[in-house]
Amino acid sequence: MKNEEKTLEHALARLEEIADALESGEFGLEQTMVLFEEAHSLSQFCTEKIDKAEEKLRILIKKDDTFQLRVEED
């Protein structure tokens, strides 16, 4: 599945599946490495999605005829 087709929710769900599979210890080294590589890729995808969402949370406010960017905190 290409990154453009994935959603954050699907990626997180797949990461949970991979974590469960890896914790089970059922797989040999080669399959473990394949799963680890997939998890790494999904993790990067999630980080990018979250970073983009944080950028969208920036609020443009007008103060004293100037504009300031403010990042909303949790």
C-alpha atoms as a PDB file:
ATOM      1  CA  MET A   1       0.000   0.000   0.000  1.00  0.00           C
ATOM      2  CA  LYS A   2       1.397   3.407  -0.967  1.00  0.00           C
ATOM      3  CA  ASN A   3       1.739   6.142   1.664  1.00  0.00           C
ATOM      4  CA  GLU A   4      -0.860   8.282  -0.148  1.00  0.00           C
ATOM      5  CA  GLU A   5      -3.433   5.504   0.272  1.00  0.00           C
ATOM      6  CA  LYS A   6      -2.727   4.823   3.955  1.00  0.00           C
ATOM      7  CA  THR A   7      -4.404   6.568   6.821  1.00  0.00           C
ATOM      8  CA  LEU A   8      -2.841   7.207  10.182  1.00  0.00           C
ATOM      9  CA  GLU A   9      -5.419   4.954  11.792  1.00  0.00           C
ATOM     10  CA  HIS A  10      -4.639   2.046   9.448  1.00  0.00           C
ATOM     11  CA  ALA A  11      -0.909   2.503   9.936  1.00  0.00           C
ATOM     12  CA  LEU A  12      -1.272   2.527  13.724  1.00  0.00           C
ATOM     13  CA  ALA A  13      -3.454  -0.580  13.619  1.00  0.00           C
ATOM     14  CA  ARG A  14      -0.875  -2.378  11.471  1.00  0.00           C
ATOM     15  CA  LEU A  15       1.882  -1.316  13.868  1.00  0.00           C
ATOM     16  CA  GLU A  16      -0.082  -2.910  16.701  1.00  0.00           C
ATOM     17  CA  GLU A  17      -0.451  -6.119  14.682  1.00  0.00           C
ATOM     18  CA  ILE A  18       3.277  -6.181  13.984  1.00  0.00           C
ATOM     19  CA  ALA A  19       4.123  -5.534  17.640  1.00  0.00           C
ATOM     20  CA  ASP A  20       1.867  -8.419  18.705  1.00  0.00           C
ATOM     21  CA  ALA A  21       3.434 -10.694  16.081  1.00  0.00           C
ATOM     22  CA  LEU A  22       6.965  -9.798  17.125  1.00  0.00           C
ATOM     23  CA  GLU A  23       6.147 -10.260  20.813  1.00  0.00           C
ATOM     24  CA  SER A  24       4.775 -13.732  20.099  1.00  0.00           C
ATOM     25  CA  GLY A  25       8.241 -14.932  19.125  1.00  0.00           C
ATOM     26  CA  GLU A  26       6.781 -17.215  16.431  1.00  0.00           C
ATOM     27  CA  PHE A  27       8.909 -15.926  13.597  1.00  0.00           C
ATOM     28  CA  GLY A  28      12.411 -16.672  12.478  1.00  0.00           C
ATOM     29  CA  LEU A  29      15.061 -14.048  11.942  1.00  0.00           C
ATOM     30  CA  GLU A  30      14.211 -13.339   8.298  1.00  0.00           C
ATOM     31  CA  GLN A  31      10.480 -12.820   8.905  1.00  0.00           C
ATOM     32  CA  THR A  32      11.237 -10.785  12.020  1.00  0.00           C
ATOM     33  CA  MET A  33      13.472  -8.495   9.956  1.00  0.00           C
ATOM     34  CA  VAL A  34      10.733  -8.082   7.310  1.00  0.00           C
ATOM     35  CA  LEU A  35       8.220  -7.153   9.991  1.00  0.00           C
ATOM     36  CA  PHE A  36      10.685  -4.801  11.661  1.00  0.00           C
ATOM     37  CA  GLU A  37      11.348  -3.034   8.345  1.00  0.00           C
ATOM     38  CA  GLU A  38       7.607  -2.663   7.733  1.00  0.00           C
ATOM     39  CA  ALA A  39       7.158  -1.270  11.241  1.00  0.00           C
ATOM     40  CA  HIS A  40       9.968   1.206  10.687  1.00  0.00           C
ATOM     41  CA  SER A  41       8.360   2.418   7.455  1.00  0.00           C
ATOM     42  CA  LEU A  42       4.951   2.719   9.123  1.00  0.00           C
ATOM     43  CA  SER A  43       6.489   4.608  12.027  1.00  0.00           C
ATOM     44  CA  GLN A  44       8.031   7.134   9.651  1.00  0.00           C
ATOM     45  CA  PHE A  45       4.690   7.499   7.850  1.00  0.00           C
ATOM     46  CA  CYS A  46       2.900   8.138  11.171  1.00  0.00           C
ATOM     47  CA  THR A  47       5.501  10.686  12.226  1.00  0.00           C
ATOM     48  CA  GLU A  48       5.069  12.567   8.943  1.00  0.00           C
ATOM     49  CA  LYS A  49       1.262  12.555   9.297  1.00  0.00           C
ATOM     50  CA  ILE A  50       1.455  13.794  12.889  1.00  0.00           C
ATOM     51  CA  ASP A  51       3.961  16.507  11.960  1.00  0.00           C
ATOM     52  CA  LYS A  52       1.630  17.714   9.197  1.00  0.00           C
ATOM     53  CA  ALA A  53      -1.300  17.740  11.606  1.00  0.00           C
ATOM     54  CA  GLU A  54       0.718  19.814  14.090  1.00  0.00           C
ATOM     55  CA  GLU A  55       1.495  22.308  11.335  1.00  0.00           C
ATOM     56  CA  LYS A  56      -2.228  22.673  10.638  1.00  0.00           C
ATOM     57  CA  LEU A  57      -2.796  23.481  14.308  1.00  0.00           C
ATOM     58  CA  ARG A  58      -0.750  26.627  14.031  1.00  0.00           C
ATOM     59  CA  ILE A  59      -3.017  29.584  14.531  1.00  0.00           C
ATOM     60  CA  LEU A  60      -2.548  32.826  12.696  1.00  0.00           C
ATOM     61  CA  ILE A  61      -3.426  35.686  15.019  1.00  0.00           C
ATOM     62  CA  LYS A  62      -3.421  39.375  14.372  1.00  0.00           C
ATOM     63  CA  LYS A  63      -1.873  41.442  17.118  1.00  0.00           C
ATOM     64  CA  ASP A  64      -0.923  45.103  16.834  1.00  0.00           C
ATOM     65  CA  ASP A  65      -1.183  44.971  13.030  1.00  0.00           C
ATOM     66  CA  THR A  66       1.353  42.150  12.844  1.00  0.00           C
ATOM     67  CA  PHE A  67       0.785  38.468  12.401  1.00  0.00           C
ATOM     68  CA  GLN A  68       2.214  35.874  14.717  1.00  0.00           C
ATOM     69  CA  LEU A  69       2.157  32.108  14.506  1.00  0.00           C
ATOM     70  CA  ARG A  70       1.277  30.308  17.677  1.00  0.00           C
ATOM     71  CA  VAL A  71       1.468  26.538  18.075  1.00  0.00           C
ATOM     72  CA  GLU A  72      -1.361  25.010  20.054  1.00  0.00           C
ATOM     73  CA  GLU A  73      -0.071  22.859  22.889  1.00  0.00           C
ATOM     74  CA  ASP A  74      -1.706  19.604  24.028  1.00  0.00           C
END
